[in-house]
Amino acid sequence: MEKYSRKDFLKKGLIAGAAFAGAGTLLSYCRKPADEGGADEAASQSCNDTSGLAENEITARNDANYVENSKTPGQTCSNCNYYTQPTGGAYCGGCQLLKGPFNPIGHCDLWAAKA
């Protein structure tokens, strides 16, 4: 068995600790805002582009009182039964009842718990 001096042990321990800390820092930047509770970052994303919608579709969205950032605890678009997950790396999802993009942390009066 090879013997290590105290100096070698401490040096290798410090190097390993720095590597773990660095890896943790790098991995923390790889998270998705909505999945990890990054509400501040998610709140900066906008899903209000209604340029491709007809007037009646915009009216229905407004009548449902859609907001980009839910004020109702435990009720967000991402945990609504009608929410459809975004595709192709997009941030905004969809809705089975309304047209247009919807923020995962948004809310409207049509919210229903996932079945």
PDB file of N, CA and C in Angstrom:
ATOM      1  N   MET A   1       0.847  -1.176   0.000  1.00  0.00           N
ATOM      2  CA  MET A   1       0.000   0.000   0.000  1.00  0.00           C
ATOM      3  C   MET A   1       0.886   1.230   0.000  1.00  0.00           C
ATOM      4  N   GLU A   2       0.548   2.173  -0.828  1.00  0.00           N
ATOM      5  CA  GLU A   2       1.353   3.383  -0.961  1.00  0.00           C
ATOM      6  C   GLU A   2       0.993   4.372   0.139  1.00  0.00           C
ATOM      7  N   LYS A   3       1.999   4.966   0.753  1.00  0.00           N
ATOM      8  CA  LYS A   3       1.765   5.920   1.843  1.00  0.00           C
ATOM      9  C   LYS A   3       1.745   7.337   1.285  1.00  0.00           C
ATOM     10  N   TYR A   4       0.827   8.123   1.800  1.00  0.00           N
ATOM     11  CA  TYR A   4       0.718   9.529   1.415  1.00  0.00           C
ATOM     12  C   TYR A   4       1.106  10.382   2.611  1.00  0.00           C
ATOM     13  N   SER A   5       1.756  11.484   2.313  1.00  0.00           N
ATOM     14  CA  SER A   5       2.070  12.418   3.393  1.00  0.00           C
ATOM     15  C   SER A   5       0.821  13.258   3.672  1.00  0.00           C
ATOM     16  N   ARG A   6       0.809  13.887   4.806  1.00  0.00           N
ATOM     17  CA  ARG A   6      -0.312  14.766   5.159  1.00  0.00           C
ATOM     18  C   ARG A   6      -0.455  15.872   4.128  1.00  0.00           C
ATOM     19  N   LYS A   7       0.662  16.383   3.657  1.00  0.00           N
ATOM     20  CA  LYS A   7       0.665  17.457   2.659  1.00  0.00           C
ATOM     21  C   LYS A   7      -0.005  16.986   1.362  1.00  0.00           C
ATOM     22  N   ASP A   8       0.354  15.780   0.887  1.00  0.00           N
ATOM     23  CA  ASP A   8      -0.258  15.236  -0.336  1.00  0.00           C
ATOM     24  C   ASP A   8      -1.753  15.002  -0.141  1.00  0.00           C
ATOM     25  N   PHE A   9      -2.141  14.481   1.016  1.00  0.00           N
ATOM     26  CA  PHE A   9      -3.548  14.231   1.318  1.00  0.00           C
ATOM     27  C   PHE A   9      -4.351  15.520   1.274  1.00  0.00           C
ATOM     28  N   LEU A  10      -3.861  16.563   1.925  1.00  0.00           N
ATOM     29  CA  LEU A  10      -4.572  17.850   1.933  1.00  0.00           C
ATOM     30  C   LEU A  10      -4.644  18.456   0.538  1.00  0.00           C
ATOM     31  N   LYS A  11      -3.555  18.354  -0.214  1.00  0.00           N
ATOM     32  CA  LYS A  11      -3.519  18.919  -1.564  1.00  0.00           C
ATOM     33  C   LYS A  11      -4.561  18.231  -2.456  1.00  0.00           C
ATOM     34  N   LYS A  12      -4.612  16.904  -2.415  1.00  0.00           N
ATOM     35  CA  LYS A  12      -5.575  16.172  -3.235  1.00  0.00           C
ATOM     36  C   LYS A  12      -7.009  16.428  -2.766  1.00  0.00           C
ATOM     37  N   GLY A  13      -7.192  16.571  -1.473  1.00  0.00           N
ATOM     38  CA  GLY A  13      -8.516  16.881  -0.942  1.00  0.00           C
ATOM     39  C   GLY A  13      -9.009  18.245  -1.398  1.00  0.00           C
ATOM     40  N   LEU A  14      -8.121  19.234  -1.406  1.00  0.00           N
ATOM     41  CA  LEU A  14      -8.499  20.580  -1.859  1.00  0.00           C
ATOM     42  C   LEU A  14      -8.825  20.589  -3.350  1.00  0.00           C
ATOM     43  N   ILE A  15      -8.051  19.847  -4.118  1.00  0.00           N
ATOM     44  CA  ILE A  15      -8.302  19.779  -5.564  1.00  0.00           C
ATOM     45  C   ILE A  15      -9.654  19.114  -5.834  1.00  0.00           C
ATOM     46  N   ALA A  16      -9.934  18.014  -5.131  1.00  0.00           N
ATOM     47  CA  ALA A  16     -11.209  17.324  -5.315  1.00  0.00           C
ATOM     48  C   ALA A  16     -12.374  18.215  -4.885  1.00  0.00           C
ATOM     49  N   GLY A  17     -12.239  18.926  -3.771  1.00  0.00           N
ATOM     50  CA  GLY A  17     -13.292  19.827  -3.301  1.00  0.00           C
ATOM     51  C   GLY A  17     -13.567  20.939  -4.295  1.00  0.00           C
ATOM     52  N   ALA A  18     -12.508  21.504  -4.859  1.00  0.00           N
ATOM     53  CA  ALA A  18     -12.673  22.571  -5.847  1.00  0.00           C
ATOM     54  C   ALA A  18     -13.361  22.034  -7.107  1.00  0.00           C
ATOM     55  N   ALA A  19     -13.013  20.808  -7.495  1.00  0.00           N
ATOM     56  CA  ALA A  19     -13.647  20.211  -8.677  1.00  0.00           C
ATOM     57  C   ALA A  19     -15.140  19.998  -8.450  1.00  0.00           C
ATOM     58  N   PHE A  20     -15.525  19.498  -7.271  1.00  0.00           N
ATOM     59  CA  PHE A  20     -16.945  19.297  -6.968  1.00  0.00           C
ATOM     60  C   PHE A  20     -17.695  20.627  -6.924  1.00  0.00           C
ATOM     61  N   ALA A  21     -17.090  21.636  -6.313  1.00  0.00           N
ATOM     62  CA  ALA A  21     -17.748  22.945  -6.239  1.00  0.00           C
ATOM     63  C   ALA A  21     -17.920  23.539  -7.635  1.00  0.00           C
ATOM     64  N   GLY A  22     -16.903  23.421  -8.464  1.00  0.00           N
ATOM     65  CA  GLY A  22     -16.983  23.935  -9.834  1.00  0.00           C
ATOM     66  C   GLY A  22     -18.029  23.209 -10.649  1.00  0.00           C
ATOM     67  N   ALA A  23     -18.097  21.895 -10.493  1.00  0.00           N
ATOM     68  CA  ALA A  23     -19.093  21.111 -11.234  1.00  0.00           C
ATOM     69  C   ALA A  23     -20.509  21.487 -10.786  1.00  0.00           C
ATOM     70  N   GLY A  24     -20.698  21.689  -9.498  1.00  0.00           N
ATOM     71  CA  GLY A  24     -22.014  22.087  -8.995  1.00  0.00           C
ATOM     72  C   GLY A  24     -22.444  23.431  -9.543  1.00  0.00           C
ATOM     73  N   THR A  25     -21.515  24.359  -9.614  1.00  0.00           N
ATOM     74  CA  THR A  25     -21.812  25.684 -10.154  1.00  0.00           C
ATOM     75  C   THR A  25     -22.197  25.590 -11.620  1.00  0.00           C
ATOM     76  N   LEU A  26     -21.434  24.829 -12.390  1.00  0.00           N
ATOM     77  CA  LEU A  26     -21.749  24.676 -13.810  1.00  0.00           C
ATOM     78  C   LEU A  26     -23.107  24.007 -14.015  1.00  0.00           C
ATOM     79  N   LEU A  27     -23.400  22.978 -13.242  1.00  0.00           N
ATOM     80  CA  LEU A  27     -24.672  22.288 -13.394  1.00  0.00           C
ATOM     81  C   LEU A  27     -25.858  23.150 -12.991  1.00  0.00           C
ATOM     82  N   SER A  28     -25.664  24.080 -12.077  1.00  0.00           N
ATOM     83  CA  SER A  28     -26.775  24.932 -11.662  1.00  0.00           C
ATOM     84  C   SER A  28     -27.246  25.839 -12.796  1.00  0.00           C
ATOM     85  N   TYR A  29     -26.386  26.104 -13.763  1.00  0.00           N
ATOM     86  CA  TYR A  29     -26.772  26.932 -14.906  1.00  0.00           C
ATOM     87  C   TYR A  29     -27.487  26.136 -15.982  1.00  0.00           C
ATOM     88  N   CYS A  30     -27.570  24.829 -15.839  1.00  0.00           N
ATOM     89  CA  CYS A  30     -28.211  23.979 -16.840  1.00  0.00           C
ATOM     90  C   CYS A  30     -29.679  23.709 -16.538  1.00  0.00           C
ATOM     91  N   ARG A  31     -30.223  24.266 -15.487  1.00  0.00           N
ATOM     92  CA  ARG A  31     -31.591  23.975 -15.100  1.00  0.00           C
ATOM     93  C   ARG A  31     -32.587  24.744 -15.950  1.00  0.00           C
ATOM     94  N   LYS A  32     -33.829  24.235 -16.000  1.00  0.00           N
ATOM     95  CA  LYS A  32     -34.919  24.917 -16.684  1.00  0.00           C
ATOM     96  C   LYS A  32     -35.635  25.787 -15.658  1.00  0.00           C
ATOM     97  N   PRO A  33     -35.960  27.033 -15.980  1.00  0.00           N
ATOM     98  CA  PRO A  33     -36.559  27.927 -15.009  1.00  0.00           C
ATOM     99  C   PRO A  33     -37.823  27.410 -14.351  1.00  0.00           C
ATOM    100  N   ALA A  34     -38.768  26.933 -15.153  1.00  0.00           N
ATOM    101  CA  ALA A  34     -40.017  26.490 -14.572  1.00  0.00           C
ATOM    102  C   ALA A  34     -39.868  25.218 -13.771  1.00  0.00           C
ATOM    103  N   ASP A  35     -38.965  24.345 -14.142  1.00  0.00           N
ATOM    104  CA  ASP A  35     -38.787  23.082 -13.453  1.00  0.00           C
ATOM    105  C   ASP A  35     -38.114  23.240 -12.106  1.00  0.00           C
ATOM    106  N   GLU A  36     -37.261  24.199 -11.969  1.00  0.00           N
ATOM    107  CA  GLU A  36     -36.480  24.349 -10.755  1.00  0.00           C
ATOM    108  C   GLU A  36     -36.939  25.499  -9.885  1.00  0.00           C
ATOM    109  N   GLY A  37     -38.115  26.028 -10.151  1.00  0.00           N
ATOM    110  CA  GLY A  37     -38.621  27.104  -9.318  1.00  0.00           C
ATOM    111  C   GLY A  37     -37.956  28.438  -9.592  1.00  0.00           C
ATOM    112  N   GLY A  38     -37.354  28.625 -10.755  1.00  0.00           N
ATOM    113  CA  GLY A  38     -36.713  29.884 -11.110  1.00  0.00           C
ATOM    114  C   GLY A  38     -37.742  30.902 -11.548  1.00  0.00           C
ATOM    115  N   ALA A  39     -38.601  31.322 -10.632  1.00  0.00           N
ATOM    116  CA  ALA A  39     -39.727  32.195 -10.964  1.00  0.00           C
ATOM    117  C   ALA A  39     -39.267  33.548 -11.484  1.00  0.00           C
ATOM    118  N   ASP A  40     -38.168  34.094 -10.954  1.00  0.00           N
ATOM    119  CA  ASP A  40     -37.703  35.395 -11.418  1.00  0.00           C
ATOM    120  C   ASP A  40     -37.309  35.334 -12.886  1.00  0.00           C
ATOM    121  N   GLU A  41     -36.567  34.297 -13.255  1.00  0.00           N
ATOM    122  CA  GLU A  41     -36.151  34.146 -14.646  1.00  0.00           C
ATOM    123  C   GLU A  41     -37.353  33.837 -15.531  1.00  0.00           C
ATOM    124  N   ALA A  42     -38.246  32.986 -15.051  1.00  0.00           N
ATOM    125  CA  ALA A  42     -39.433  32.624 -15.824  1.00  0.00           C
ATOM    126  C   ALA A  42     -40.344  33.831 -16.014  1.00  0.00           C
ATOM    127  N   ALA A  43     -40.421  34.690 -15.007  1.00  0.00           N
ATOM    128  CA  ALA A  43     -41.281  35.872 -15.098  1.00  0.00           C
ATOM    129  C   ALA A  43     -40.797  36.831 -16.176  1.00  0.00           C
ATOM    130  N   SER A  44     -39.508  36.766 -16.519  1.00  0.00           N
ATOM    131  CA  SER A  44     -38.977  37.664 -17.542  1.00  0.00           C
ATOM    132  C   SER A  44     -39.335  37.186 -18.952  1.00  0.00           C
ATOM    133  N   GLN A  45     -39.800  35.954 -19.086  1.00  0.00           N
ATOM    134  CA  GLN A  45     -40.215  35.423 -20.378  1.00  0.00           C
ATOM    135  C   GLN A  45     -41.635  35.903 -20.676  1.00  0.00           C
ATOM    136  N   SER A  46     -41.891  36.317 -21.905  1.00  0.00           N
ATOM    137  CA  SER A  46     -43.222  36.781 -22.264  1.00  0.00           C
ATOM    138  C   SER A  46     -43.873  35.822 -23.250  1.00  0.00           C
ATOM    139  N   CYS A  47     -45.117  35.539 -22.985  1.00  0.00           N
ATOM    140  CA  CYS A  47     -45.909  34.676 -23.867  1.00  0.00           C
ATOM    141  C   CYS A  47     -47.162  35.422 -24.314  1.00  0.00           C
ATOM    142  N   ASN A  48     -47.046  36.715 -24.494  1.00  0.00           N
ATOM    143  CA  ASN A  48     -48.188  37.554 -24.861  1.00  0.00           C
ATOM    144  C   ASN A  48     -48.244  37.876 -26.346  1.00  0.00           C
ATOM    145  N   ASP A  49     -47.505  37.166 -27.183  1.00  0.00           N
ATOM    146  CA  ASP A  49     -47.527  37.444 -28.619  1.00  0.00           C
ATOM    147  C   ASP A  49     -48.798  36.855 -29.224  1.00  0.00           C
ATOM    148  N   THR A  50     -49.775  37.706 -29.428  1.00  0.00           N
ATOM    149  CA  THR A  50     -51.058  37.267 -29.990  1.00  0.00           C
ATOM    150  C   THR A  50     -51.202  37.705 -31.445  1.00  0.00           C
ATOM    151  N   SER A  51     -50.089  38.004 -32.097  1.00  0.00           N
ATOM    152  CA  SER A  51     -50.151  38.534 -33.459  1.00  0.00           C
ATOM    153  C   SER A  51     -50.773  37.562 -34.465  1.00  0.00           C
ATOM    154  N   GLY A  52     -50.705  36.259 -34.231  1.00  0.00           N
ATOM    155  CA  GLY A  52     -51.272  35.296 -35.172  1.00  0.00           C
ATOM    156  C   GLY A  52     -52.698  34.879 -34.843  1.00  0.00           C
ATOM    157  N   LEU A  53     -53.300  35.532 -33.860  1.00  0.00           N
ATOM    158  CA  LEU A  53     -54.649  35.145 -33.432  1.00  0.00           C
ATOM    159  C   LEU A  53     -55.718  36.046 -34.035  1.00  0.00           C
ATOM    160  N   ALA A  54     -56.897  35.470 -34.233  1.00  0.00           N
ATOM    161  CA  ALA A  54     -58.049  36.246 -34.696  1.00  0.00           C
ATOM    162  C   ALA A  54     -58.583  37.067 -33.526  1.00  0.00           C
ATOM    163  N   GLU A  55     -59.355  38.090 -33.825  1.00  0.00           N
ATOM    164  CA  GLU A  55     -59.882  38.985 -32.788  1.00  0.00           C
ATOM    165  C   GLU A  55     -60.711  38.227 -31.750  1.00  0.00           C
ATOM    166  N   ASN A  56     -61.540  37.277 -32.200  1.00  0.00           N
ATOM    167  CA  ASN A  56     -62.364  36.520 -31.251  1.00  0.00           C
ATOM    168  C   ASN A  56     -61.511  35.612 -30.345  1.00  0.00           C
ATOM    169  N   GLU A  57     -60.366  35.139 -30.840  1.00  0.00           N
ATOM    170  CA  GLU A  57     -59.467  34.324 -30.022  1.00  0.00           C
ATOM    171  C   GLU A  57     -58.778  35.171 -28.947  1.00  0.00           C
ATOM    172  N   ILE A  58     -58.431  36.390 -29.293  1.00  0.00           N
ATOM    173  CA  ILE A  58     -57.841  37.321 -28.323  1.00  0.00           C
ATOM    174  C   ILE A  58     -58.881  37.696 -27.273  1.00  0.00           C
ATOM    175  N   THR A  59     -60.125  37.915 -27.719  1.00  0.00           N
ATOM    176  CA  THR A  59     -61.211  38.245 -26.786  1.00  0.00           C
ATOM    177  C   THR A  59     -61.440  37.098 -25.803  1.00  0.00           C
ATOM    178  N   ALA A  60     -61.441  35.860 -26.293  1.00  0.00           N
ATOM    179  CA  ALA A  60     -61.631  34.697 -25.413  1.00  0.00           C
ATOM    180  C   ALA A  60     -60.506  34.605 -24.386  1.00  0.00           C
ATOM    181  N   ARG A  61     -59.303  34.886 -24.814  1.00  0.00           N
ATOM    182  CA  ARG A  61     -58.136  34.880 -23.918  1.00  0.00           C
ATOM    183  C   ARG A  61     -58.294  35.952 -22.839  1.00  0.00           C
ATOM    184  N   ASN A  62     -58.727  37.133 -23.253  1.00  0.00           N
ATOM    185  CA  ASN A  62     -58.931  38.227 -22.295  1.00  0.00           C
ATOM    186  C   ASN A  62     -60.108  37.935 -21.361  1.00  0.00           C
ATOM    187  N   ASP A  63     -61.173  37.354 -21.887  1.00  0.00           N
ATOM    188  CA  ASP A  63     -62.334  37.013 -21.064  1.00  0.00           C
ATOM    189  C   ASP A  63     -61.988  35.981 -19.994  1.00  0.00           C
ATOM    190  N   ALA A  64     -61.006  35.140 -20.262  1.00  0.00           N
ATOM    191  CA  ALA A  64     -60.560  34.127 -19.296  1.00  0.00           C
ATOM    192  C   ALA A  64     -59.596  34.731 -18.271  1.00  0.00           C
ATOM    193  N   ASN A  65     -59.316  36.038 -18.406  1.00  0.00           N
ATOM    194  CA  ASN A  65     -58.424  36.758 -17.473  1.00  0.00           C
ATOM    195  C   ASN A  65     -57.034  36.136 -17.387  1.00  0.00           C
ATOM    196  N   TYR A  66     -56.462  35.772 -18.533  1.00  0.00           N
ATOM    197  CA  TYR A  66     -55.108  35.211 -18.560  1.00  0.00           C
ATOM    198  C   TYR A  66     -54.101  36.258 -18.099  1.00  0.00           C
ATOM    199  N   VAL A  67     -53.207  35.847 -17.207  1.00  0.00           N
ATOM    200  CA  VAL A  67     -52.095  36.690 -16.761  1.00  0.00           C
ATOM    201  C   VAL A  67     -50.806  35.894 -16.898  1.00  0.00           C
ATOM    202  N   GLU A  68     -49.716  36.587 -17.161  1.00  0.00           N
ATOM    203  CA  GLU A  68     -48.411  35.957 -17.362  1.00  0.00           C
ATOM    204  C   GLU A  68     -47.834  35.346 -16.092  1.00  0.00           C
ATOM    205  N   ASN A  69     -48.193  35.869 -14.934  1.00  0.00           N
ATOM    206  CA  ASN A  69     -47.612  35.416 -13.675  1.00  0.00           C
ATOM    207  C   ASN A  69     -48.746  35.211 -12.673  1.00  0.00           C
ATOM    208  N   SER A  70     -48.999  33.958 -12.335  1.00  0.00           N
ATOM    209  CA  SER A  70     -50.120  33.613 -11.450  1.00  0.00           C
ATOM    210  C   SER A  70     -49.969  34.242 -10.069  1.00  0.00           C
ATOM    211  N   LYS A  71     -51.070  34.768  -9.571  1.00  0.00           N
ATOM    212  CA  LYS A  71     -51.130  35.298  -8.205  1.00  0.00           C
ATOM    213  C   LYS A  71     -51.861  34.307  -7.296  1.00  0.00           C
ATOM    214  N   THR A  72     -52.334  33.198  -7.877  1.00  0.00           N
ATOM    215  CA  THR A  72     -53.073  32.190  -7.128  1.00  0.00           C
ATOM    216  C   THR A  72     -52.115  31.059  -6.736  1.00  0.00           C
ATOM    217  N   PRO A  73     -51.835  30.902  -5.450  1.00  0.00           N
ATOM    218  CA  PRO A  73     -50.894  29.861  -5.016  1.00  0.00           C
ATOM    219  C   PRO A  73     -51.311  28.462  -5.484  1.00  0.00           C
ATOM    220  N   GLY A  74     -50.355  27.743  -6.051  1.00  0.00           N
ATOM    221  CA  GLY A  74     -50.594  26.370  -6.479  1.00  0.00           C
ATOM    222  C   GLY A  74     -51.328  26.225  -7.793  1.00  0.00           C
ATOM    223  N   GLN A  75     -51.666  27.340  -8.440  1.00  0.00           N
ATOM    224  CA  GLN A  75     -52.376  27.269  -9.716  1.00  0.00           C
ATOM    225  C   GLN A  75     -51.589  28.023 -10.774  1.00  0.00           C
ATOM    226  N   THR A  76     -50.903  27.271 -11.630  1.00  0.00           N
ATOM    227  CA  THR A  76     -50.187  27.856 -12.761  1.00  0.00           C
ATOM    228  C   THR A  76     -50.558  27.071 -14.013  1.00  0.00           C
ATOM    229  N   CYS A  77     -50.281  27.643 -15.145  1.00  0.00           N
ATOM    230  CA  CYS A  77     -50.580  26.947 -16.397  1.00  0.00           C
ATOM    231  C   CYS A  77     -49.889  25.579 -16.434  1.00  0.00           C
ATOM    232  N   SER A  78     -48.660  25.506 -15.945  1.00  0.00           N
ATOM    233  CA  SER A  78     -47.913  24.251 -16.040  1.00  0.00           C
ATOM    234  C   SER A  78     -48.548  23.107 -15.250  1.00  0.00           C
ATOM    235  N   ASN A  79     -49.381  23.411 -14.253  1.00  0.00           N
ATOM    236  CA  ASN A  79     -50.044  22.318 -13.530  1.00  0.00           C
ATOM    237  C   ASN A  79     -51.556  22.300 -13.793  1.00  0.00           C
ATOM    238  N   CYS A  80     -51.947  22.903 -14.908  1.00  0.00           N
ATOM    239  CA  CYS A  80     -53.350  22.901 -15.324  1.00  0.00           C
ATOM    240  C   CYS A  80     -53.618  21.700 -16.234  1.00  0.00           C
ATOM    241  N   ASN A  81     -54.798  21.150 -16.146  1.00  0.00           N
ATOM    242  CA  ASN A  81     -55.189  19.999 -16.946  1.00  0.00           C
ATOM    243  C   ASN A  81     -55.200  20.312 -18.446  1.00  0.00           C
ATOM    244  N   TYR A  82     -55.418  21.560 -18.814  1.00  0.00           N
ATOM    245  CA  TYR A  82     -55.555  21.936 -20.220  1.00  0.00           C
ATOM    246  C   TYR A  82     -54.250  22.431 -20.854  1.00  0.00           C
ATOM    247  N   TYR A  83     -53.199  22.565 -20.059  1.00  0.00           N
ATOM    248  CA  TYR A  83     -51.915  23.077 -20.563  1.00  0.00           C
ATOM    249  C   TYR A  83     -51.225  22.021 -21.423  1.00  0.00           C
ATOM    250  N   THR A  84     -50.666  22.458 -22.547  1.00  0.00           N
ATOM    251  CA  THR A  84     -49.869  21.566 -23.384  1.00  0.00           C
ATOM    252  C   THR A  84     -48.425  22.026 -23.345  1.00  0.00           C
ATOM    253  N   GLN A  85     -47.524  21.098 -23.127  1.00  0.00           N
ATOM    254  CA  GLN A  85     -46.101  21.400 -22.994  1.00  0.00           C
ATOM    255  C   GLN A  85     -45.544  21.997 -24.285  1.00  0.00           C
ATOM    256  N   PRO A  86     -44.568  22.917 -24.156  1.00  0.00           N
ATOM    257  CA  PRO A  86     -43.942  23.491 -25.348  1.00  0.00           C
ATOM    258  C   PRO A  86     -43.133  22.430 -26.102  1.00  0.00           C
ATOM    259  N   THR A  87     -42.963  22.663 -27.377  1.00  0.00           N
ATOM    260  CA  THR A  87     -42.186  21.744 -28.206  1.00  0.00           C
ATOM    261  C   THR A  87     -41.047  22.495 -28.879  1.00  0.00           C
ATOM    262  N   GLY A  88     -40.077  21.755 -29.341  1.00  0.00           N
ATOM    263  CA  GLY A  88     -38.973  22.337 -30.104  1.00  0.00           C
ATOM    264  C   GLY A  88     -38.139  23.336 -29.338  1.00  0.00           C
ATOM    265  N   GLY A  89     -38.022  23.189 -28.031  1.00  0.00           N
ATOM    266  CA  GLY A  89     -37.201  24.093 -27.235  1.00  0.00           C
ATOM    267  C   GLY A  89     -37.861  25.418 -26.920  1.00  0.00           C
ATOM    268  N   ALA A  90     -39.131  25.573 -27.260  1.00  0.00           N
ATOM    269  CA  ALA A  90     -39.851  26.816 -26.968  1.00  0.00           C
ATOM    270  C   ALA A  90     -40.097  26.939 -25.467  1.00  0.00           C
ATOM    271  N   TYR A  91     -40.280  28.148 -24.997  1.00  0.00           N
ATOM    272  CA  TYR A  91     -40.561  28.383 -23.581  1.00  0.00           C
ATOM    273  C   TYR A  91     -42.068  28.323 -23.315  1.00  0.00           C
ATOM    274  N   CYS A  92     -42.855  28.924 -24.190  1.00  0.00           N
ATOM    275  CA  CYS A  92     -44.300  29.033 -23.994  1.00  0.00           C
ATOM    276  C   CYS A  92     -45.006  27.768 -24.458  1.00  0.00           C
ATOM    277  N   GLY A  93     -45.979  27.330 -23.660  1.00  0.00           N
ATOM    278  CA  GLY A  93     -46.785  26.173 -24.017  1.00  0.00           C
ATOM    279  C   GLY A  93     -48.089  26.606 -24.643  1.00  0.00           C
ATOM    280  N   GLY A  94     -49.020  25.691 -24.713  1.00  0.00           N
ATOM    281  CA  GLY A  94     -50.318  25.980 -25.302  1.00  0.00           C
ATOM    282  C   GLY A  94     -51.445  25.617 -24.355  1.00  0.00           C
ATOM    283  N   CYS A  95     -52.657  25.724 -24.861  1.00  0.00           N
ATOM    284  CA  CYS A  95     -53.837  25.416 -24.063  1.00  0.00           C
ATOM    285  C   CYS A  95     -54.827  24.690 -24.963  1.00  0.00           C
ATOM    286  N   GLN A  96     -55.513  23.709 -24.402  1.00  0.00           N
ATOM    287  CA  GLN A  96     -56.509  22.964 -25.161  1.00  0.00           C
ATOM    288  C   GLN A  96     -57.796  23.754 -25.348  1.00  0.00           C
ATOM    289  N   LEU A  97     -58.013  24.793 -24.524  1.00  0.00           N
ATOM    290  CA  LEU A  97     -59.258  25.558 -24.591  1.00  0.00           C
ATOM    291  C   LEU A  97     -59.111  26.911 -25.278  1.00  0.00           C
ATOM    292  N   LEU A  98     -57.926  27.494 -25.202  1.00  0.00           N
ATOM    293  CA  LEU A  98     -57.683  28.815 -25.767  1.00  0.00           C
ATOM    294  C   LEU A  98     -56.537  28.751 -26.761  1.00  0.00           C
ATOM    295  N   LYS A  99     -56.474  29.701 -27.647  1.00  0.00           N
ATOM    296  CA  LYS A  99     -55.404  29.778 -28.648  1.00  0.00           C
ATOM    297  C   LYS A  99     -54.298  30.700 -28.164  1.00  0.00           C
ATOM    298  N   GLY A 100     -53.102  30.470 -28.700  1.00  0.00           N
ATOM    299  CA  GLY A 100     -51.964  31.343 -28.423  1.00  0.00           C
ATOM    300  C   GLY A 100     -50.960  30.725 -27.478  1.00  0.00           C
ATOM    301  N   PRO A 101     -49.861  31.446 -27.243  1.00  0.00           N
ATOM    302  CA  PRO A 101     -48.830  30.958 -26.323  1.00  0.00           C
ATOM    303  C   PRO A 101     -49.197  31.272 -24.876  1.00  0.00           C
ATOM    304  N   PHE A 102     -48.813  30.371 -23.965  1.00  0.00           N
ATOM    305  CA  PHE A 102     -49.117  30.556 -22.553  1.00  0.00           C
ATOM    306  C   PHE A 102     -47.873  30.307 -21.710  1.00  0.00           C
ATOM    307  N   ASN A 103     -47.634  31.213 -20.757  1.00  0.00           N
ATOM    308  CA  ASN A 103     -46.495  31.124 -19.861  1.00  0.00           C
ATOM    309  C   ASN A 103     -46.737  30.002 -18.849  1.00  0.00           C
ATOM    310  N   PRO A 104     -45.759  29.128 -18.620  1.00  0.00           N
ATOM    311  CA  PRO A 104     -45.944  28.045 -17.650  1.00  0.00           C
ATOM    312  C   PRO A 104     -46.286  28.540 -16.245  1.00  0.00           C
ATOM    313  N   ILE A 105     -45.892  29.779 -15.911  1.00  0.00           N
ATOM    314  CA  ILE A 105     -46.211  30.320 -14.586  1.00  0.00           C
ATOM    315  C   ILE A 105     -47.419  31.247 -14.637  1.00  0.00           C
ATOM    316  N   GLY A 106     -48.124  31.235 -15.775  1.00  0.00           N
ATOM    317  CA  GLY A 106     -49.311  32.060 -15.946  1.00  0.00           C
ATOM    318  C   GLY A 106     -50.537  31.418 -15.300  1.00  0.00           C
ATOM    319  N   HIS A 107     -51.683  32.099 -15.489  1.00  0.00           N
ATOM    320  CA  HIS A 107     -52.937  31.604 -14.907  1.00  0.00           C
ATOM    321  C   HIS A 107     -54.111  32.239 -15.630  1.00  0.00           C
ATOM    322  N   CYS A 108     -55.233  31.520 -15.676  1.00  0.00           N
ATOM    323  CA  CYS A 108     -56.489  32.091 -16.168  1.00  0.00           C
ATOM    324  C   CYS A 108     -57.641  31.462 -15.403  1.00  0.00           C
ATOM    325  N   ASP A 109     -58.830  31.993 -15.606  1.00  0.00           N
ATOM    326  CA  ASP A 109     -60.010  31.531 -14.883  1.00  0.00           C
ATOM    327  C   ASP A 109     -60.432  30.118 -15.272  1.00  0.00           C
ATOM    328  N   LEU A 110     -59.908  29.572 -16.364  1.00  0.00           N
ATOM    329  CA  LEU A 110     -60.272  28.235 -16.800  1.00  0.00           C
ATOM    330  C   LEU A 110     -59.405  27.148 -16.178  1.00  0.00           C
ATOM    331  N   TRP A 111     -58.507  27.525 -15.272  1.00  0.00           N
ATOM    332  CA  TRP A 111     -57.583  26.566 -14.664  1.00  0.00           C
ATOM    333  C   TRP A 111     -58.346  25.408 -14.025  1.00  0.00           C
ATOM    334  N   ALA A 112     -57.844  24.204 -14.255  1.00  0.00           N
ATOM    335  CA  ALA A 112     -58.399  22.990 -13.631  1.00  0.00           C
ATOM    336  C   ALA A 112     -57.239  22.085 -13.251  1.00  0.00           C
ATOM    337  N   ALA A 113     -57.322  21.473 -12.093  1.00  0.00           N
ATOM    338  CA  ALA A 113     -56.255  20.576 -11.631  1.00  0.00           C
ATOM    339  C   ALA A 113     -56.071  19.426 -12.615  1.00  0.00           C
ATOM    340  N   LYS A 114     -54.826  18.990 -12.771  1.00  0.00           N
ATOM    341  CA  LYS A 114     -54.549  17.867 -13.652  1.00  0.00           C
ATOM    342  C   LYS A 114     -55.276  16.631 -13.165  1.00  0.00           C
ATOM    343  N   ALA A 115     -55.841  15.925 -14.122  1.00  0.00           N
ATOM    344  CA  ALA A 115     -56.607  14.708 -13.786  1.00  0.00           C
ATOM    345  C   ALA A 115     -55.675  13.563 -13.479  1.00  0.00           C
TER     346      ALA A 115
END
